[in-house]
Amino acid sequence: MLLDGLVFALLGSALAIGLAGIGSAVGVGIAGQVGAGVMTEDPGKFGQVLLLQALPGTQGIYGLLAGFWVLIKLGLFGGTPVPVTVAQGMQIMFACLPIAIVGLLSGIAQGKTAAASIGLIARRPEETGKAIILPAMVETYAVLSLLATILLLNSIKL
């Protein structure tokens, strides 16, 4: 029976890592496609393009952090594994959903916003600061979802 709870908890960890990682991969890809086009015209914009392309990658980092938080909480990293009931496992799984879902969706949205910002830099390089702020606004919700996941995980008693 305790193994079933562990399965739910590990599923939550996998969802946090996997879905947020997918969002980041798609977002970075979207921004990279536009960035490559801009750099064919002006290779000197590489630094600005790289910065904007990297921004959607943070959701994957947040998902990875949440996933490892679960594994540490479960004692699976060098500690003694903690027995987990089905109810506790489901609580952990549901606690991982904020970063999993928001990481997926905000990573893609941030990639689209970063792509638009790269277009802005292509035409008006003096507006780089403003171009960075636009995708950074999307980042706010990824950070809030990571915070929610961590607070929820810390409230679960094992």
N, C-alpha and C. Protein backbone atom coordinates (compact mmCIF):
# COMPACT_ATOMS: atom_id res chain seq x y z
N MET A 1 0.81 -1.21 0.00
CA MET A 1 0.00 0.00 0.00
C MET A 1 0.85 1.26 0.00
N LEU A 2 1.94 1.25 0.75
CA LEU A 2 2.78 2.44 0.82
C LEU A 2 3.47 2.71 -0.51
N LEU A 3 3.67 1.66 -1.30
CA LEU A 3 4.28 1.83 -2.61
C LEU A 3 3.37 2.65 -3.52
N ASP A 4 2.06 2.48 -3.38
CA ASP A 4 1.12 3.24 -4.20
C ASP A 4 1.25 4.74 -3.95
N GLY A 5 1.42 5.13 -2.71
CA GLY A 5 1.59 6.55 -2.40
C GLY A 5 2.86 7.10 -3.00
N LEU A 6 3.92 6.29 -2.98
CA LEU A 6 5.18 6.71 -3.58
C LEU A 6 5.03 6.91 -5.08
N VAL A 7 4.23 6.07 -5.72
CA VAL A 7 4.00 6.21 -7.16
C VAL A 7 3.34 7.55 -7.47
N PHE A 8 2.34 7.93 -6.70
CA PHE A 8 1.68 9.23 -6.91
C PHE A 8 2.66 10.39 -6.69
N ALA A 9 3.46 10.29 -5.64
CA ALA A 9 4.43 11.35 -5.35
C ALA A 9 5.46 11.48 -6.47
N LEU A 10 5.95 10.35 -6.95
CA LEU A 10 6.93 10.38 -8.05
C LEU A 10 6.29 10.86 -9.35
N LEU A 11 5.02 10.56 -9.54
CA LEU A 11 4.31 11.08 -10.71
C LEU A 11 4.25 12.60 -10.65
N GLY A 12 3.99 13.15 -9.47
CA GLY A 12 3.99 14.60 -9.31
C GLY A 12 5.34 15.21 -9.65
N SER A 13 6.40 14.57 -9.17
CA SER A 13 7.75 15.04 -9.48
C SER A 13 8.01 14.99 -10.99
N ALA A 14 7.61 13.89 -11.61
CA ALA A 14 7.81 13.74 -13.06
C ALA A 14 7.00 14.76 -13.85
N LEU A 15 5.79 15.05 -13.40
CA LEU A 15 4.97 16.05 -14.09
C LEU A 15 5.60 17.44 -13.98
N ALA A 16 6.09 17.78 -12.80
CA ALA A 16 6.72 19.09 -12.62
C ALA A 16 7.93 19.23 -13.53
N ILE A 17 8.78 18.21 -13.55
CA ILE A 17 9.98 18.26 -14.38
C ILE A 17 9.63 18.20 -15.86
N GLY A 18 8.77 17.26 -16.22
CA GLY A 18 8.46 17.03 -17.63
C GLY A 18 7.67 18.14 -18.29
N LEU A 19 6.57 18.55 -17.69
CA LEU A 19 5.73 19.57 -18.33
C LEU A 19 6.42 20.93 -18.36
N ALA A 20 7.06 21.32 -17.27
CA ALA A 20 7.77 22.60 -17.28
C ALA A 20 8.93 22.55 -18.27
N GLY A 21 9.58 21.40 -18.37
CA GLY A 21 10.65 21.24 -19.34
C GLY A 21 10.17 21.33 -20.77
N ILE A 22 9.01 20.76 -21.04
CA ILE A 22 8.43 20.86 -22.39
C ILE A 22 8.12 22.32 -22.72
N GLY A 23 7.51 23.03 -21.76
CA GLY A 23 7.20 24.44 -21.98
C GLY A 23 8.45 25.24 -22.30
N SER A 24 9.53 24.97 -21.56
CA SER A 24 10.78 25.68 -21.82
C SER A 24 11.36 25.33 -23.18
N ALA A 25 11.35 24.05 -23.51
CA ALA A 25 11.91 23.63 -24.80
C ALA A 25 11.17 24.26 -25.97
N VAL A 26 9.85 24.28 -25.88
CA VAL A 26 9.05 24.89 -26.96
C VAL A 26 9.31 26.40 -27.00
N GLY A 27 9.29 27.04 -25.83
CA GLY A 27 9.51 28.49 -25.78
C GLY A 27 10.87 28.91 -26.28
N VAL A 28 11.91 28.20 -25.87
CA VAL A 28 13.26 28.50 -26.34
C VAL A 28 13.35 28.27 -27.84
N GLY A 29 12.68 27.23 -28.32
CA GLY A 29 12.67 26.96 -29.76
C GLY A 29 12.00 28.05 -30.56
N ILE A 30 10.87 28.53 -30.08
CA ILE A 30 10.15 29.61 -30.77
C ILE A 30 11.03 30.86 -30.86
N ALA A 31 11.61 31.24 -29.73
CA ALA A 31 12.47 32.43 -29.71
C ALA A 31 13.72 32.21 -30.57
N GLY A 32 14.25 31.01 -30.55
CA GLY A 32 15.44 30.71 -31.34
C GLY A 32 15.21 30.80 -32.83
N GLN A 33 14.03 30.39 -33.27
CA GLN A 33 13.72 30.47 -34.70
C GLN A 33 13.72 31.92 -35.17
N VAL A 34 13.08 32.77 -34.40
CA VAL A 34 13.06 34.19 -34.76
C VAL A 34 14.45 34.79 -34.62
N GLY A 35 15.16 34.41 -33.57
CA GLY A 35 16.51 34.92 -33.35
C GLY A 35 17.46 34.57 -34.48
N ALA A 36 17.35 33.37 -35.00
CA ALA A 36 18.22 32.97 -36.11
C ALA A 36 17.96 33.84 -37.33
N GLY A 37 16.70 34.16 -37.56
CA GLY A 37 16.37 35.03 -38.69
C GLY A 37 16.95 36.42 -38.52
N VAL A 38 16.88 36.95 -37.32
CA VAL A 38 17.43 38.28 -37.05
C VAL A 38 18.95 38.27 -37.23
N MET A 39 19.60 37.22 -36.76
CA MET A 39 21.07 37.18 -36.84
C MET A 39 21.58 36.95 -38.26
N THR A 40 20.73 36.44 -39.16
CA THR A 40 21.18 36.35 -40.55
C THR A 40 21.34 37.74 -41.14
N GLU A 41 20.53 38.67 -40.66
CA GLU A 41 20.61 40.06 -41.14
C GLU A 41 21.68 40.86 -40.40
N ASP A 42 21.82 40.59 -39.09
CA ASP A 42 22.78 41.35 -38.29
C ASP A 42 23.38 40.44 -37.21
N PRO A 43 24.49 39.75 -37.52
CA PRO A 43 25.12 38.85 -36.55
C PRO A 43 25.57 39.55 -35.26
N GLY A 44 25.71 40.85 -35.28
CA GLY A 44 26.11 41.60 -34.10
C GLY A 44 25.07 41.61 -33.00
N LYS A 45 23.86 41.18 -33.29
CA LYS A 45 22.78 41.16 -32.29
C LYS A 45 22.74 39.84 -31.52
N PHE A 46 23.79 39.02 -31.68
CA PHE A 46 23.80 37.71 -31.04
C PHE A 46 23.57 37.78 -29.53
N GLY A 47 24.26 38.66 -28.84
CA GLY A 47 24.14 38.75 -27.38
C GLY A 47 22.74 39.09 -26.93
N GLN A 48 22.12 40.04 -27.60
CA GLN A 48 20.75 40.44 -27.24
C GLN A 48 19.77 39.31 -27.53
N VAL A 49 19.96 38.67 -28.68
CA VAL A 49 19.07 37.56 -29.07
C VAL A 49 19.22 36.40 -28.10
N LEU A 50 20.45 36.07 -27.74
CA LEU A 50 20.70 34.95 -26.83
C LEU A 50 20.03 35.18 -25.48
N LEU A 51 20.13 36.38 -24.96
CA LEU A 51 19.49 36.70 -23.68
C LEU A 51 17.98 36.47 -23.75
N LEU A 52 17.36 36.96 -24.80
CA LEU A 52 15.91 36.81 -24.94
C LEU A 52 15.53 35.36 -25.21
N GLN A 53 16.36 34.64 -25.94
CA GLN A 53 16.04 33.24 -26.20
C GLN A 53 16.14 32.41 -24.92
N ALA A 54 17.05 32.76 -24.04
CA ALA A 54 17.26 31.98 -22.82
C ALA A 54 16.15 32.16 -21.79
N LEU A 55 15.45 33.27 -21.83
CA LEU A 55 14.44 33.55 -20.80
C LEU A 55 13.40 32.45 -20.64
N PRO A 56 12.83 31.88 -21.71
CA PRO A 56 11.84 30.82 -21.51
C PRO A 56 12.42 29.54 -20.92
N GLY A 57 13.71 29.43 -20.83
CA GLY A 57 14.32 28.24 -20.26
C GLY A 57 14.20 28.13 -18.75
N THR A 58 13.84 29.20 -18.11
CA THR A 58 13.78 29.18 -16.65
C THR A 58 12.65 28.31 -16.11
N GLN A 59 11.57 28.17 -16.85
CA GLN A 59 10.48 27.32 -16.38
C GLN A 59 10.95 25.89 -16.18
N GLY A 60 11.78 25.41 -17.08
CA GLY A 60 12.33 24.06 -16.93
C GLY A 60 13.18 23.94 -15.67
N ILE A 61 13.91 24.99 -15.36
CA ILE A 61 14.72 24.99 -14.13
C ILE A 61 13.81 24.95 -12.91
N TYR A 62 12.73 25.72 -12.95
CA TYR A 62 11.79 25.73 -11.82
C TYR A 62 11.13 24.36 -11.64
N GLY A 63 10.75 23.74 -12.74
CA GLY A 63 10.17 22.40 -12.66
C GLY A 63 11.15 21.39 -12.09
N LEU A 64 12.41 21.50 -12.51
CA LEU A 64 13.45 20.61 -12.00
C LEU A 64 13.65 20.83 -10.50
N LEU A 65 13.64 22.07 -10.08
CA LEU A 65 13.78 22.39 -8.65
C LEU A 65 12.63 21.75 -7.86
N ALA A 66 11.41 21.91 -8.34
CA ALA A 66 10.25 21.34 -7.64
C ALA A 66 10.33 19.81 -7.62
N GLY A 67 10.72 19.22 -8.74
CA GLY A 67 10.84 17.77 -8.80
C GLY A 67 11.87 17.23 -7.82
N PHE A 68 13.01 17.89 -7.74
CA PHE A 68 14.04 17.46 -6.79
C PHE A 68 13.61 17.73 -5.35
N TRP A 69 12.82 18.78 -5.13
CA TRP A 69 12.29 19.08 -3.80
C TRP A 69 11.48 17.88 -3.31
N VAL A 70 10.68 17.32 -4.21
CA VAL A 70 9.87 16.14 -3.87
C VAL A 70 10.78 14.96 -3.53
N LEU A 71 11.78 14.71 -4.36
CA LEU A 71 12.67 13.56 -4.14
C LEU A 71 13.42 13.69 -2.82
N ILE A 72 13.82 14.90 -2.48
CA ILE A 72 14.50 15.13 -1.20
C ILE A 72 13.52 14.92 -0.05
N LYS A 73 12.30 15.43 -0.20
CA LYS A 73 11.27 15.27 0.84
C LYS A 73 10.97 13.79 1.09
N LEU A 74 11.03 12.99 0.03
CA LEU A 74 10.75 11.56 0.15
C LEU A 74 11.95 10.77 0.66
N GLY A 75 13.09 11.43 0.83
CA GLY A 75 14.28 10.75 1.32
C GLY A 75 14.95 9.87 0.28
N LEU A 76 14.74 10.16 -0.98
CA LEU A 76 15.29 9.31 -2.04
C LEU A 76 16.70 9.71 -2.46
N PHE A 77 17.24 10.78 -1.90
CA PHE A 77 18.61 11.20 -2.19
C PHE A 77 19.49 10.97 -0.97
N GLY A 78 20.04 9.81 -0.87
CA GLY A 78 21.00 9.53 0.18
C GLY A 78 20.43 9.40 1.57
N GLY A 79 19.15 9.51 1.70
CA GLY A 79 18.54 9.37 3.01
C GLY A 79 17.76 8.07 3.10
N THR A 80 17.01 7.95 4.13
CA THR A 80 16.14 6.79 4.29
C THR A 80 14.79 7.14 3.67
N PRO A 81 14.33 6.34 2.70
CA PRO A 81 13.03 6.64 2.09
C PRO A 81 11.91 6.69 3.13
N VAL A 82 11.08 7.68 3.00
CA VAL A 82 9.98 7.90 3.93
C VAL A 82 8.76 7.12 3.44
N PRO A 83 8.06 6.40 4.33
CA PRO A 83 6.82 5.75 3.90
C PRO A 83 5.76 6.80 3.54
N VAL A 84 5.09 6.58 2.42
CA VAL A 84 4.12 7.55 1.91
C VAL A 84 2.79 6.84 1.69
N THR A 85 1.75 7.33 2.34
CA THR A 85 0.42 6.77 2.11
C THR A 85 -0.11 7.26 0.76
N VAL A 86 -1.19 6.64 0.31
CA VAL A 86 -1.80 7.08 -0.95
C VAL A 86 -2.26 8.52 -0.84
N ALA A 87 -2.86 8.89 0.28
CA ALA A 87 -3.34 10.27 0.47
C ALA A 87 -2.17 11.25 0.42
N GLN A 88 -1.08 10.93 1.08
CA GLN A 88 0.10 11.81 1.06
C GLN A 88 0.70 11.89 -0.34
N GLY A 89 0.75 10.75 -1.02
CA GLY A 89 1.28 10.74 -2.39
C GLY A 89 0.45 11.61 -3.32
N MET A 90 -0.87 11.53 -3.16
CA MET A 90 -1.75 12.37 -3.99
C MET A 90 -1.59 13.84 -3.64
N GLN A 91 -1.41 14.14 -2.36
CA GLN A 91 -1.17 15.53 -1.96
C GLN A 91 0.10 16.06 -2.63
N ILE A 92 1.14 15.26 -2.64
CA ILE A 92 2.40 15.68 -3.27
C ILE A 92 2.19 15.87 -4.77
N MET A 93 1.48 14.93 -5.38
CA MET A 93 1.23 15.04 -6.82
C MET A 93 0.47 16.33 -7.14
N PHE A 94 -0.58 16.61 -6.40
CA PHE A 94 -1.36 17.82 -6.66
C PHE A 94 -0.58 19.09 -6.32
N ALA A 95 0.32 19.01 -5.34
CA ALA A 95 1.15 20.17 -5.00
C ALA A 95 2.11 20.51 -6.14
N CYS A 96 2.45 19.53 -6.95
CA CYS A 96 3.36 19.76 -8.08
C CYS A 96 2.65 20.35 -9.30
N LEU A 97 1.34 20.31 -9.32
CA LEU A 97 0.60 20.77 -10.51
C LEU A 97 0.76 22.26 -10.81
N PRO A 98 0.86 23.16 -9.82
CA PRO A 98 1.03 24.57 -10.20
C PRO A 98 2.24 24.81 -11.10
N ILE A 99 3.41 24.31 -10.73
CA ILE A 99 4.58 24.55 -11.57
C ILE A 99 4.52 23.71 -12.84
N ALA A 100 3.91 22.54 -12.78
CA ALA A 100 3.81 21.71 -13.98
C ALA A 100 2.96 22.40 -15.04
N ILE A 101 1.78 22.85 -14.66
CA ILE A 101 0.85 23.45 -15.63
C ILE A 101 1.31 24.85 -16.03
N VAL A 102 1.61 25.68 -15.04
CA VAL A 102 2.03 27.06 -15.36
C VAL A 102 3.38 27.06 -16.05
N GLY A 103 4.27 26.15 -15.68
CA GLY A 103 5.55 26.05 -16.36
C GLY A 103 5.40 25.71 -17.83
N LEU A 104 4.49 24.78 -18.12
CA LEU A 104 4.23 24.41 -19.51
C LEU A 104 3.68 25.60 -20.30
N LEU A 105 2.63 26.20 -19.79
CA LEU A 105 1.95 27.26 -20.53
C LEU A 105 2.75 28.56 -20.57
N SER A 106 3.38 28.92 -19.45
CA SER A 106 4.12 30.19 -19.44
C SER A 106 5.42 30.08 -20.22
N GLY A 107 6.00 28.89 -20.28
CA GLY A 107 7.21 28.72 -21.09
C GLY A 107 6.93 28.97 -22.56
N ILE A 108 5.81 28.46 -23.03
CA ILE A 108 5.41 28.68 -24.42
C ILE A 108 5.05 30.15 -24.64
N ALA A 109 4.27 30.72 -23.72
CA ALA A 109 3.88 32.13 -23.85
C ALA A 109 5.11 33.04 -23.79
N GLN A 110 6.04 32.71 -22.92
CA GLN A 110 7.24 33.53 -22.81
C GLN A 110 8.09 33.41 -24.07
N GLY A 111 8.10 32.24 -24.68
CA GLY A 111 8.82 32.09 -25.95
C GLY A 111 8.24 32.95 -27.04
N LYS A 112 6.92 33.02 -27.09
CA LYS A 112 6.26 33.87 -28.09
C LYS A 112 6.55 35.35 -27.81
N THR A 113 6.51 35.72 -26.55
CA THR A 113 6.79 37.11 -26.19
C THR A 113 8.26 37.46 -26.45
N ALA A 114 9.15 36.52 -26.16
CA ALA A 114 10.57 36.74 -26.44
C ALA A 114 10.80 36.86 -27.95
N ALA A 115 10.08 36.07 -28.74
CA ALA A 115 10.21 36.16 -30.20
C ALA A 115 9.78 37.54 -30.69
N ALA A 116 8.69 38.04 -30.14
CA ALA A 116 8.24 39.39 -30.52
C ALA A 116 9.27 40.43 -30.09
N SER A 117 9.86 40.24 -28.92
CA SER A 117 10.89 41.18 -28.44
C SER A 117 12.14 41.13 -29.31
N ILE A 118 12.47 39.96 -29.82
CA ILE A 118 13.60 39.84 -30.74
C ILE A 118 13.31 40.63 -32.01
N GLY A 119 12.06 40.57 -32.46
CA GLY A 119 11.66 41.38 -33.61
C GLY A 119 11.80 42.87 -33.33
N LEU A 120 11.48 43.27 -32.10
CA LEU A 120 11.64 44.67 -31.71
C LEU A 120 13.11 45.08 -31.77
N ILE A 121 13.98 44.23 -31.25
CA ILE A 121 15.42 44.53 -31.27
C ILE A 121 15.95 44.60 -32.70
N ALA A 122 15.39 43.79 -33.58
CA ALA A 122 15.84 43.80 -34.98
C ALA A 122 15.62 45.17 -35.61
N ARG A 123 14.50 45.80 -35.27
CA ARG A 123 14.17 47.09 -35.88
C ARG A 123 14.66 48.28 -35.06
N ARG A 124 14.65 48.12 -33.73
CA ARG A 124 15.02 49.24 -32.85
C ARG A 124 15.93 48.74 -31.73
N PRO A 125 17.21 48.55 -32.03
CA PRO A 125 18.13 47.99 -31.04
C PRO A 125 18.27 48.83 -29.77
N GLU A 126 17.96 50.10 -29.86
CA GLU A 126 18.06 50.96 -28.67
C GLU A 126 16.98 50.64 -27.64
N GLU A 127 16.00 49.84 -28.01
CA GLU A 127 14.89 49.48 -27.11
C GLU A 127 15.11 48.12 -26.43
N THR A 128 16.36 47.70 -26.30
CA THR A 128 16.66 46.39 -25.72
C THR A 128 16.09 46.25 -24.31
N GLY A 129 16.22 47.26 -23.49
CA GLY A 129 15.71 47.20 -22.12
C GLY A 129 14.22 46.92 -22.08
N LYS A 130 13.48 47.63 -22.90
CA LYS A 130 12.03 47.41 -22.96
C LYS A 130 11.72 46.02 -23.51
N ALA A 131 12.52 45.58 -24.47
CA ALA A 131 12.29 44.27 -25.08
C ALA A 131 12.49 43.15 -24.06
N ILE A 132 13.38 43.33 -23.11
CA ILE A 132 13.61 42.31 -22.09
C ILE A 132 12.48 42.29 -21.06
N ILE A 133 11.92 43.45 -20.76
CA ILE A 133 10.87 43.54 -19.75
C ILE A 133 9.62 42.76 -20.18
N LEU A 134 9.30 42.78 -21.45
CA LEU A 134 8.07 42.13 -21.91
C LEU A 134 8.04 40.64 -21.58
N PRO A 135 9.03 39.84 -21.98
CA PRO A 135 8.97 38.42 -21.58
C PRO A 135 9.21 38.21 -20.09
N ALA A 136 9.89 39.15 -19.44
CA ALA A 136 10.10 39.02 -17.99
C ALA A 136 8.77 39.11 -17.23
N MET A 137 7.80 39.82 -17.79
CA MET A 137 6.48 39.89 -17.15
C MET A 137 5.83 38.51 -17.09
N VAL A 138 6.01 37.71 -18.13
CA VAL A 138 5.46 36.35 -18.14
C VAL A 138 6.14 35.51 -17.06
N GLU A 139 7.40 35.78 -16.83
CA GLU A 139 8.19 35.05 -15.83
C GLU A 139 7.57 35.15 -14.44
N THR A 140 6.92 36.25 -14.15
CA THR A 140 6.31 36.47 -12.84
C THR A 140 5.41 35.31 -12.45
N TYR A 141 4.62 34.83 -13.39
CA TYR A 141 3.65 33.78 -13.08
C TYR A 141 4.32 32.43 -12.90
N ALA A 142 5.41 32.20 -13.59
CA ALA A 142 6.18 30.98 -13.36
C ALA A 142 6.78 30.98 -11.96
N VAL A 143 7.31 32.12 -11.54
CA VAL A 143 7.89 32.24 -10.20
C VAL A 143 6.81 32.04 -9.14
N LEU A 144 5.64 32.64 -9.36
CA LEU A 144 4.54 32.48 -8.39
C LEU A 144 4.08 31.03 -8.30
N SER A 145 4.04 30.34 -9.42
CA SER A 145 3.62 28.93 -9.39
C SER A 145 4.67 28.07 -8.70
N LEU A 146 5.95 28.39 -8.88
CA LEU A 146 7.00 27.66 -8.15
C LEU A 146 6.84 27.89 -6.65
N LEU A 147 6.59 29.13 -6.27
CA LEU A 147 6.38 29.45 -4.86
C LEU A 147 5.19 28.67 -4.30
N ALA A 148 4.10 28.63 -5.05
CA ALA A 148 2.92 27.89 -4.61
C ALA A 148 3.25 26.41 -4.43
N THR A 149 3.96 25.83 -5.38
CA THR A 149 4.33 24.42 -5.28
C THR A 149 5.19 24.16 -4.06
N ILE A 150 6.19 25.00 -3.83
CA ILE A 150 7.08 24.80 -2.67
C ILE A 150 6.31 24.95 -1.36
N LEU A 151 5.45 25.96 -1.27
CA LEU A 151 4.66 26.14 -0.04
C LEU A 151 3.73 24.96 0.19
N LEU A 152 3.10 24.47 -0.88
CA LEU A 152 2.22 23.31 -0.75
C LEU A 152 3.00 22.07 -0.33
N LEU A 153 4.15 21.85 -0.95
CA LEU A 153 4.97 20.68 -0.59
C LEU A 153 5.42 20.75 0.86
N ASN A 154 5.80 21.94 1.31
CA ASN A 154 6.27 22.07 2.69
C ASN A 154 5.15 21.91 3.71
N SER A 155 3.91 22.06 3.28
CA SER A 155 2.79 21.91 4.22
C SER A 155 2.34 20.46 4.37
N ILE A 156 2.87 19.56 3.57
CA ILE A 156 2.48 18.15 3.62
C ILE A 156 3.33 17.43 4.66
N LYS A 157 2.66 16.83 5.61
CA LYS A 157 3.35 16.09 6.68
C LYS A 157 3.53 14.64 6.26
N LEU A 158 4.77 14.18 6.33
CA LEU A 158 5.06 12.77 6.02
C LEU A 158 5.46 12.02 7.27
